[in-house]
Amino acid sequence: MHVLCFSRALALFAVIAVSAPSPALAGGKSVIELFTSQGCNSCPPADKLLGKLTQNPNLIPLTLAVDYWDYLGWKDTLALAEHAKRQRHYAKVRGDMNVYTPQAIVNGVKYAVGSDANEISSALRNHPTNEPEIPLAVKRDGENISVDVGPGQGKATVWMLSVAGKVEVKIAKGENKGETITYFNVVRAWRNLGAWSGARIMTSVPVAELLNKGADSVVVLVQNGDEKQPGVIRNADMLALR
């Protein structure tokens, strides 16, 4: 069942876009993962809100399109099977098995209705602070993107995401038939850069390998746990590829 959208979110678009909630990470950026679908008629307001959130330099808002509404008549053109799995893994870790669209996951631990700016803002403000930031530096080095994850404590996974900044989709069938929807910071591919267990990690990836499916930027996440047990995101950064 889709979650009904909240009209109050519309009035809060400008507020949350220009206000700067205290970053969940000391010196880092907060990550908002929006699980959405072209086949979900409750999702367009959330997709629009995410676009507003991209204007906040303290945030890394991401569109993670899922495929589990494809049976309603329209196959999501941006969906990755990994996204539905990631959403289910989040729910399993939390223990509530609460999976729906539009759903926003904030910094890997808090969830909110993706169209509710108030809930998202609350999740940003109330992020747990007991996990120290893991040092992270992402930069372009010639034709490569270099990633330097500094020393610390704990265990985490380093993810690199290829991201398309803006994608316009004309939907011909399903619940959003006839609509043209713009999606922002669309995740097009994932790359596991390895497990981090406290020791410094330095690696690089050719830019040419990241420019797939319209991607024009890269996001690096340092996240507790692994693919099946995602935890708190302890640092993140975003870098333009073009």
C-alpha atoms as a PDB file:
ATOM      1  CA  MET A   1       0.000   0.000   0.000  1.00  0.00           C
ATOM      2  CA  HIS A   2       1.279   3.446  -0.882  1.00  0.00           C
ATOM      3  CA  VAL A   3       1.529   6.049   1.847  1.00  0.00           C
ATOM      4  CA  LEU A   4      -0.724   9.060   1.308  1.00  0.00           C
ATOM      5  CA  CYS A   5       1.166  12.310   0.759  1.00  0.00           C
ATOM      6  CA  PHE A   6       0.897  15.126   3.288  1.00  0.00           C
ATOM      7  CA  SER A   7      -0.138  18.554   1.989  1.00  0.00           C
ATOM      8  CA  ARG A   8       1.763  20.266   4.787  1.00  0.00           C
ATOM      9  CA  ALA A   9       4.989  19.141   3.104  1.00  0.00           C
ATOM     10  CA  LEU A  10       4.302  21.544   0.258  1.00  0.00           C
ATOM     11  CA  ALA A  11       4.333  24.519   2.589  1.00  0.00           C
ATOM     12  CA  LEU A  12       7.601  23.359   4.107  1.00  0.00           C
ATOM     13  CA  PHE A  13       9.517  22.951   0.819  1.00  0.00           C
ATOM     14  CA  ALA A  14      11.217  26.329   0.998  1.00  0.00           C
ATOM     15  CA  VAL A  15      11.821  26.101   4.743  1.00  0.00           C
ATOM     16  CA  ILE A  16      13.675  22.818   4.727  1.00  0.00           C
ATOM     17  CA  ALA A  17      15.564  23.663   1.530  1.00  0.00           C
ATOM     18  CA  VAL A  18      17.128  26.847   2.825  1.00  0.00           C
ATOM     19  CA  SER A  19      17.376  26.054   6.525  1.00  0.00           C
ATOM     20  CA  ALA A  20      20.416  24.119   7.628  1.00  0.00           C
ATOM     21  CA  PRO A  21      19.629  21.486  10.231  1.00  0.00           C
ATOM     22  CA  SER A  22      22.650  20.645  12.335  1.00  0.00           C
ATOM     23  CA  PRO A  23      24.584  18.111  10.275  1.00  0.00           C
ATOM     24  CA  ALA A  24      24.386  14.615  11.698  1.00  0.00           C
ATOM     25  CA  LEU A  25      28.085  14.255  11.098  1.00  0.00           C
ATOM     26  CA  ALA A  26      30.644  16.631  12.529  1.00  0.00           C
ATOM     27  CA  GLY A  27      31.838  18.437   9.442  1.00  0.00           C
ATOM     28  CA  GLY A  28      30.169  15.891   7.193  1.00  0.00           C
ATOM     29  CA  LYS A  29      26.921  15.831   5.222  1.00  0.00           C
ATOM     30  CA  SER A  30      23.646  14.153   6.050  1.00  0.00           C
ATOM     31  CA  VAL A  31      22.358  11.550   3.592  1.00  0.00           C
ATOM     32  CA  ILE A  32      18.703  11.175   2.648  1.00  0.00           C
ATOM     33  CA  GLU A  33      17.810   8.076   0.623  1.00  0.00           C
ATOM     34  CA  LEU A  34      14.388   8.347  -1.004  1.00  0.00           C
ATOM     35  CA  PHE A  35      12.849   5.020  -2.008  1.00  0.00           C
ATOM     36  CA  THR A  36      10.411   5.940  -4.751  1.00  0.00           C
ATOM     37  CA  SER A  37       8.762   4.540  -7.867  1.00  0.00           C
ATOM     38  CA  GLN A  38       7.395   5.824 -11.145  1.00  0.00           C
ATOM     39  CA  GLY A  39       4.469   3.456 -10.546  1.00  0.00           C
ATOM     40  CA  CYS A  40       3.485   5.035  -7.209  1.00  0.00           C
ATOM     41  CA  ASN A  41       0.920   7.844  -7.346  1.00  0.00           C
ATOM     42  CA  SER A  42       1.902   8.986  -3.835  1.00  0.00           C
ATOM     43  CA  CYS A  43       5.508   9.542  -4.861  1.00  0.00           C
ATOM     44  CA  PRO A  44       5.604  12.687  -7.067  1.00  0.00           C
ATOM     45  CA  PRO A  45       5.399  15.126  -4.104  1.00  0.00           C
ATOM     46  CA  ALA A  46       8.308  13.283  -2.480  1.00  0.00           C
ATOM     47  CA  ASP A  47      10.298  13.436  -5.715  1.00  0.00           C
ATOM     48  CA  LYS A  48       9.651  17.184  -5.871  1.00  0.00           C
ATOM     49  CA  LEU A  49      10.687  17.643  -2.246  1.00  0.00           C
ATOM     50  CA  LEU A  50      13.931  15.779  -2.880  1.00  0.00           C
ATOM     51  CA  GLY A  51      14.683  18.234  -5.664  1.00  0.00           C
ATOM     52  CA  LYS A  52      14.291  21.092  -3.181  1.00  0.00           C
ATOM     53  CA  LEU A  53      16.574  19.337  -0.709  1.00  0.00           C
ATOM     54  CA  THR A  54      19.381  19.206  -3.263  1.00  0.00           C
ATOM     55  CA  GLN A  55      19.692  22.980  -2.765  1.00  0.00           C
ATOM     56  CA  ASN A  56      20.919  22.476   0.808  1.00  0.00           C
ATOM     57  CA  PRO A  57      24.735  22.110   0.836  1.00  0.00           C
ATOM     58  CA  ASN A  58      24.599  20.196   4.132  1.00  0.00           C
ATOM     59  CA  LEU A  59      22.581  17.386   2.555  1.00  0.00           C
ATOM     60  CA  ILE A  60      23.158  14.588   0.068  1.00  0.00           C
ATOM     61  CA  PRO A  61      19.640  13.647  -1.082  1.00  0.00           C
ATOM     62  CA  LEU A  62      19.485  10.531  -3.266  1.00  0.00           C
ATOM     63  CA  THR A  63      16.763   8.923  -5.376  1.00  0.00           C
ATOM     64  CA  LEU A  64      16.691   5.131  -5.053  1.00  0.00           C
ATOM     65  CA  ALA A  65      14.048   3.918  -7.505  1.00  0.00           C
ATOM     66  CA  VAL A  66      12.471   0.536  -6.706  1.00  0.00           C
ATOM     67  CA  ASP A  67      10.793  -1.998  -8.976  1.00  0.00           C
ATOM     68  CA  TYR A  68       8.145  -3.601  -6.769  1.00  0.00           C
ATOM     69  CA  TRP A  69       5.297  -1.505  -8.182  1.00  0.00           C
ATOM     70  CA  ASP A  70       6.088  -2.459 -11.780  1.00  0.00           C
ATOM     71  CA  TYR A  71       3.186  -4.930 -11.792  1.00  0.00           C
ATOM     72  CA  LEU A  72       0.730  -2.005 -11.659  1.00  0.00           C
ATOM     73  CA  GLY A  73       1.315  -1.357 -15.349  1.00  0.00           C
ATOM     74  CA  TRP A  74       4.502   0.667 -15.757  1.00  0.00           C
ATOM     75  CA  LYS A  75       8.070  -0.595 -15.485  1.00  0.00           C
ATOM     76  CA  ASP A  76      10.178   1.956 -13.631  1.00  0.00           C
ATOM     77  CA  THR A  77      12.900   3.062 -16.043  1.00  0.00           C
ATOM     78  CA  LEU A  78      15.333   4.040 -13.261  1.00  0.00           C
ATOM     79  CA  ALA A  79      14.805   1.172 -10.819  1.00  0.00           C
ATOM     80  CA  LEU A  80      17.589  -1.103  -9.611  1.00  0.00           C
ATOM     81  CA  ALA A  81      16.813  -4.405  -7.930  1.00  0.00           C
ATOM     82  CA  GLU A  82      19.476  -3.580  -5.343  1.00  0.00           C
ATOM     83  CA  HIS A  83      17.377  -0.678  -4.083  1.00  0.00           C
ATOM     84  CA  ALA A  84      14.407  -2.817  -3.023  1.00  0.00           C
ATOM     85  CA  LYS A  85      16.827  -5.195  -1.313  1.00  0.00           C
ATOM     86  CA  ARG A  86      18.533  -2.312   0.476  1.00  0.00           C
ATOM     87  CA  GLN A  87      15.193  -0.979   1.702  1.00  0.00           C
ATOM     88  CA  ARG A  88      14.210  -4.411   3.036  1.00  0.00           C
ATOM     89  CA  HIS A  89      17.592  -4.809   4.730  1.00  0.00           C
ATOM     90  CA  TYR A  90      17.104  -1.465   6.480  1.00  0.00           C
ATOM     91  CA  ALA A  91      13.694  -2.603   7.725  1.00  0.00           C
ATOM     92  CA  LYS A  92      15.089  -5.924   8.928  1.00  0.00           C
ATOM     93  CA  VAL A  93      17.890  -4.205  10.853  1.00  0.00           C
ATOM     94  CA  ARG A  94      15.348  -1.898  12.504  1.00  0.00           C
ATOM     95  CA  GLY A  95      13.124  -4.857  13.239  1.00  0.00           C
ATOM     96  CA  ASP A  96       9.892  -3.268  12.053  1.00  0.00           C
ATOM     97  CA  MET A  97       9.809  -4.555   8.432  1.00  0.00           C
ATOM     98  CA  ASN A  98       8.240  -1.203   7.473  1.00  0.00           C
ATOM     99  CA  VAL A  99       8.733  -0.908   3.719  1.00  0.00           C
ATOM    100  CA  TYR A 100       6.763   1.484   1.515  1.00  0.00           C
ATOM    101  CA  THR A 101       7.015   4.292  -1.012  1.00  0.00           C
ATOM    102  CA  PRO A 102       7.772   7.100  -0.711  1.00  0.00           C
ATOM    103  CA  GLN A 103      10.080   6.310   2.210  1.00  0.00           C
ATOM    104  CA  ALA A 104      13.123   8.356   3.218  1.00  0.00           C
ATOM    105  CA  ILE A 105      15.987   6.862   5.206  1.00  0.00           C
ATOM    106  CA  VAL A 106      18.082   9.509   6.951  1.00  0.00           C
ATOM    107  CA  ASN A 107      21.750   8.749   7.647  1.00  0.00           C
ATOM    108  CA  GLY A 108      21.030   5.019   7.546  1.00  0.00           C
ATOM    109  CA  VAL A 109      19.026   4.865  10.768  1.00  0.00           C
ATOM    110  CA  LYS A 110      15.919   7.076  10.815  1.00  0.00           C
ATOM    111  CA  TYR A 111      12.984   6.683   8.470  1.00  0.00           C
ATOM    112  CA  ALA A 112      10.224   9.095   7.475  1.00  0.00           C
ATOM    113  CA  VAL A 113       7.484   9.501   4.903  1.00  0.00           C
ATOM    114  CA  GLY A 114       9.380  10.788   1.886  1.00  0.00           C
ATOM    115  CA  SER A 115       6.874  13.551   1.160  1.00  0.00           C
ATOM    116  CA  ASP A 116       6.752  14.842   4.740  1.00  0.00           C
ATOM    117  CA  ALA A 117       9.325  17.621   5.108  1.00  0.00           C
ATOM    118  CA  ASN A 118       8.584  17.923   8.828  1.00  0.00           C
ATOM    119  CA  GLU A 119       9.353  14.254   9.503  1.00  0.00           C
ATOM    120  CA  ILE A 120      12.543  14.421   7.467  1.00  0.00           C
ATOM    121  CA  SER A 121      13.671  17.557   9.276  1.00  0.00           C
ATOM    122  CA  SER A 122      12.976  15.874  12.631  1.00  0.00           C
ATOM    123  CA  ALA A 123      14.995  12.821  11.595  1.00  0.00           C
ATOM    124  CA  LEU A 124      17.909  15.078  10.646  1.00  0.00           C
ATOM    125  CA  ARG A 125      17.820  16.893  13.990  1.00  0.00           C
ATOM    126  CA  ASN A 126      17.465  13.754  16.101  1.00  0.00           C
ATOM    127  CA  HIS A 127      20.202  11.676  14.522  1.00  0.00           C
ATOM    128  CA  PRO A 128      22.156   9.618  17.113  1.00  0.00           C
ATOM    129  CA  THR A 129      25.528  11.141  17.955  1.00  0.00           C
ATOM    130  CA  ASN A 130      27.246   8.207  19.631  1.00  0.00           C
ATOM    131  CA  GLU A 131      29.064   7.141  16.449  1.00  0.00           C
ATOM    132  CA  PRO A 132      32.163   9.254  15.701  1.00  0.00           C
ATOM    133  CA  GLU A 133      32.743  10.461  12.183  1.00  0.00           C
ATOM    134  CA  ILE A 134      35.188   8.448  10.083  1.00  0.00           C
ATOM    135  CA  PRO A 135      37.594  10.732   8.170  1.00  0.00           C
ATOM    136  CA  LEU A 136      36.813  10.806   4.442  1.00  0.00           C
ATOM    137  CA  ALA A 137      38.348  12.644   1.502  1.00  0.00           C
ATOM    138  CA  VAL A 138      37.055  12.310  -2.066  1.00  0.00           C
ATOM    139  CA  LYS A 139      38.754  14.166  -4.908  1.00  0.00           C
ATOM    140  CA  ARG A 140      39.511  14.014  -8.598  1.00  0.00           C
ATOM    141  CA  ASP A 141      43.060  13.027  -9.471  1.00  0.00           C
ATOM    142  CA  GLY A 142      43.439  13.345 -13.226  1.00  0.00           C
ATOM    143  CA  GLU A 143      41.188  10.735 -14.799  1.00  0.00           C
ATOM    144  CA  ASN A 144      40.522   9.003 -11.495  1.00  0.00           C
ATOM    145  CA  ILE A 145      38.444   9.603  -8.395  1.00  0.00           C
ATOM    146  CA  SER A 146      40.529   8.994  -5.296  1.00  0.00           C
ATOM    147  CA  VAL A 147      39.019   7.979  -1.974  1.00  0.00           C
ATOM    148  CA  ASP A 148      40.860   8.224   1.332  1.00  0.00           C
ATOM    149  CA  VAL A 149      39.147   6.782   4.402  1.00  0.00           C
ATOM    150  CA  GLY A 150      41.087   7.613   7.547  1.00  0.00           C
ATOM    151  CA  PRO A 151      41.722   5.554  10.687  1.00  0.00           C
ATOM    152  CA  GLY A 152      39.178   5.113  13.433  1.00  0.00           C
ATOM    153  CA  GLN A 153      37.171   2.544  15.355  1.00  0.00           C
ATOM    154  CA  GLY A 154      34.476   0.129  14.273  1.00  0.00           C
ATOM    155  CA  LYS A 155      33.578  -1.716  11.101  1.00  0.00           C
ATOM    156  CA  ALA A 156      32.019  -0.223   7.998  1.00  0.00           C
ATOM    157  CA  THR A 157      31.605  -0.588   4.249  1.00  0.00           C
ATOM    158  CA  VAL A 158      32.798   2.013   1.764  1.00  0.00           C
ATOM    159  CA  TRP A 159      30.322   2.510  -1.088  1.00  0.00           C
ATOM    160  CA  MET A 160      30.742   4.505  -4.282  1.00  0.00           C
ATOM    161  CA  LEU A 161      27.572   5.502  -6.139  1.00  0.00           C
ATOM    162  CA  SER A 162      27.231   6.802  -9.687  1.00  0.00           C
ATOM    163  CA  VAL A 163      24.560   9.504  -9.646  1.00  0.00           C
ATOM    164  CA  ALA A 164      22.610  11.336 -12.357  1.00  0.00           C
ATOM    165  CA  GLY A 165      21.749  14.842 -11.185  1.00  0.00           C
ATOM    166  CA  LYS A 166      18.473  15.297 -13.068  1.00  0.00           C
ATOM    167  CA  VAL A 167      16.385  12.856 -15.098  1.00  0.00           C
ATOM    168  CA  GLU A 168      13.015  13.678 -16.692  1.00  0.00           C
ATOM    169  CA  VAL A 169      10.690  10.747 -17.341  1.00  0.00           C
ATOM    170  CA  LYS A 170       7.443  10.682 -19.326  1.00  0.00           C
ATOM    171  CA  ILE A 171       5.225   7.990 -17.848  1.00  0.00           C
ATOM    172  CA  ALA A 172       2.871   6.345 -20.334  1.00  0.00           C
ATOM    173  CA  LYS A 173       1.097   3.760 -18.168  1.00  0.00           C
ATOM    174  CA  GLY A 174       0.207   2.914 -14.581  1.00  0.00           C
ATOM    175  CA  GLU A 175      -0.857   5.157 -11.713  1.00  0.00           C
ATOM    176  CA  ASN A 176       1.073   8.184 -13.019  1.00  0.00           C
ATOM    177  CA  LYS A 177      -0.020   7.806 -16.636  1.00  0.00           C
ATOM    178  CA  GLY A 178       0.415  11.009 -18.609  1.00  0.00           C
ATOM    179  CA  GLU A 179       2.720  12.621 -16.055  1.00  0.00           C
ATOM    180  CA  THR A 180       6.228  13.894 -16.734  1.00  0.00           C
ATOM    181  CA  ILE A 181       8.243  13.672 -13.526  1.00  0.00           C
ATOM    182  CA  THR A 182      11.722  14.998 -12.820  1.00  0.00           C
ATOM    183  CA  TYR A 183      13.953  12.904 -10.571  1.00  0.00           C
ATOM    184  CA  PHE A 184      17.009  14.301  -8.811  1.00  0.00           C
ATOM    185  CA  ASN A 185      20.314  12.697  -7.768  1.00  0.00           C
ATOM    186  CA  VAL A 186      19.264   9.361  -9.199  1.00  0.00           C
ATOM    187  CA  VAL A 187      21.509   6.470  -8.145  1.00  0.00           C
ATOM    188  CA  ARG A 188      22.447   4.571 -11.311  1.00  0.00           C
ATOM    189  CA  ALA A 189      25.073   2.150 -10.015  1.00  0.00           C
ATOM    190  CA  TRP A 190      26.751   0.913  -6.819  1.00  0.00           C
ATOM    191  CA  ARG A 191      30.339  -0.098  -6.253  1.00  0.00           C
ATOM    192  CA  ASN A 192      31.645  -1.712  -3.065  1.00  0.00           C
ATOM    193  CA  LEU A 193      35.102  -0.250  -2.384  1.00  0.00           C
ATOM    194  CA  GLY A 194      35.731  -2.648   0.469  1.00  0.00           C
ATOM    195  CA  ALA A 195      35.356  -3.246   4.169  1.00  0.00           C
ATOM    196  CA  TRP A 196      36.833  -0.773   6.631  1.00  0.00           C
ATOM    197  CA  SER A 197      37.839  -2.033  10.083  1.00  0.00           C
ATOM    198  CA  GLY A 198      39.746   0.900  11.540  1.00  0.00           C
ATOM    199  CA  ALA A 199      42.812   1.052   9.328  1.00  0.00           C
ATOM    200  CA  ARG A 200      43.243   3.691   6.649  1.00  0.00           C
ATOM    201  CA  ILE A 201      41.987   2.799   3.161  1.00  0.00           C
ATOM    202  CA  MET A 202      43.160   4.543  -0.004  1.00  0.00           C
ATOM    203  CA  THR A 203      41.816   3.606  -3.422  1.00  0.00           C
ATOM    204  CA  SER A 204      40.864   5.128  -6.760  1.00  0.00           C
ATOM    205  CA  VAL A 205      38.380   4.444  -9.557  1.00  0.00           C
ATOM    206  CA  PRO A 206      38.649   5.622 -13.184  1.00  0.00           C
ATOM    207  CA  VAL A 207      36.145   8.349 -14.007  1.00  0.00           C
ATOM    208  CA  ALA A 208      35.285   6.526 -17.242  1.00  0.00           C
ATOM    209  CA  GLU A 209      33.919   3.613 -15.214  1.00  0.00           C
ATOM    210  CA  LEU A 210      31.563   5.904 -13.312  1.00  0.00           C
ATOM    211  CA  LEU A 211      30.014   7.747 -16.255  1.00  0.00           C
ATOM    212  CA  ASN A 212      27.344   5.152 -16.920  1.00  0.00           C
ATOM    213  CA  LYS A 213      23.590   5.536 -17.417  1.00  0.00           C
ATOM    214  CA  GLY A 214      23.795   9.303 -17.491  1.00  0.00           C
ATOM    215  CA  ALA A 215      25.736   9.677 -14.238  1.00  0.00           C
ATOM    216  CA  ASP A 216      27.406  13.049 -13.754  1.00  0.00           C
ATOM    217  CA  SER A 217      28.540  12.858 -10.121  1.00  0.00           C
ATOM    218  CA  VAL A 218      29.773  10.380  -7.567  1.00  0.00           C
ATOM    219  CA  VAL A 219      28.797   9.846  -3.930  1.00  0.00           C
ATOM    220  CA  VAL A 220      30.917   7.983  -1.396  1.00  0.00           C
ATOM    221  CA  LEU A 221      29.338   6.573   1.760  1.00  0.00           C
ATOM    222  CA  VAL A 222      31.144   5.158   4.774  1.00  0.00           C
ATOM    223  CA  GLN A 223      28.432   3.108   6.427  1.00  0.00           C
ATOM    224  CA  ASN A 224      28.461   0.791   9.407  1.00  0.00           C
ATOM    225  CA  GLY A 225      27.701  -2.843   8.654  1.00  0.00           C
ATOM    226  CA  ASP A 226      27.549  -4.481   5.261  1.00  0.00           C
ATOM    227  CA  GLU A 227      25.148  -4.942   2.352  1.00  0.00           C
ATOM    228  CA  LYS A 228      22.697  -7.086   4.343  1.00  0.00           C
ATOM    229  CA  GLN A 229      23.018  -5.165   7.601  1.00  0.00           C
ATOM    230  CA  PRO A 230      23.317  -1.473   6.740  1.00  0.00           C
ATOM    231  CA  GLY A 231      23.812   0.806   9.710  1.00  0.00           C
ATOM    232  CA  VAL A 232      24.536   4.423  10.486  1.00  0.00           C
ATOM    233  CA  ILE A 233      26.309   6.424   7.772  1.00  0.00           C
ATOM    234  CA  ARG A 234      29.409   7.797   9.456  1.00  0.00           C
ATOM    235  CA  ASN A 235      30.563  10.058   6.653  1.00  0.00           C
ATOM    236  CA  ALA A 236      29.647  10.913   3.070  1.00  0.00           C
ATOM    237  CA  ASP A 237      30.702  13.206   0.282  1.00  0.00           C
ATOM    238  CA  MET A 238      29.600  14.064  -3.251  1.00  0.00           C
ATOM    239  CA  LEU A 239      31.755  15.132  -6.187  1.00  0.00           C
ATOM    240  CA  ALA A 240      30.864  16.251  -9.722  1.00  0.00           C
ATOM    241  CA  LEU A 241      32.348  14.159 -12.525  1.00  0.00           C
ATOM    242  CA  ARG A 242      31.838  16.619 -15.368  1.00  0.00           C
END
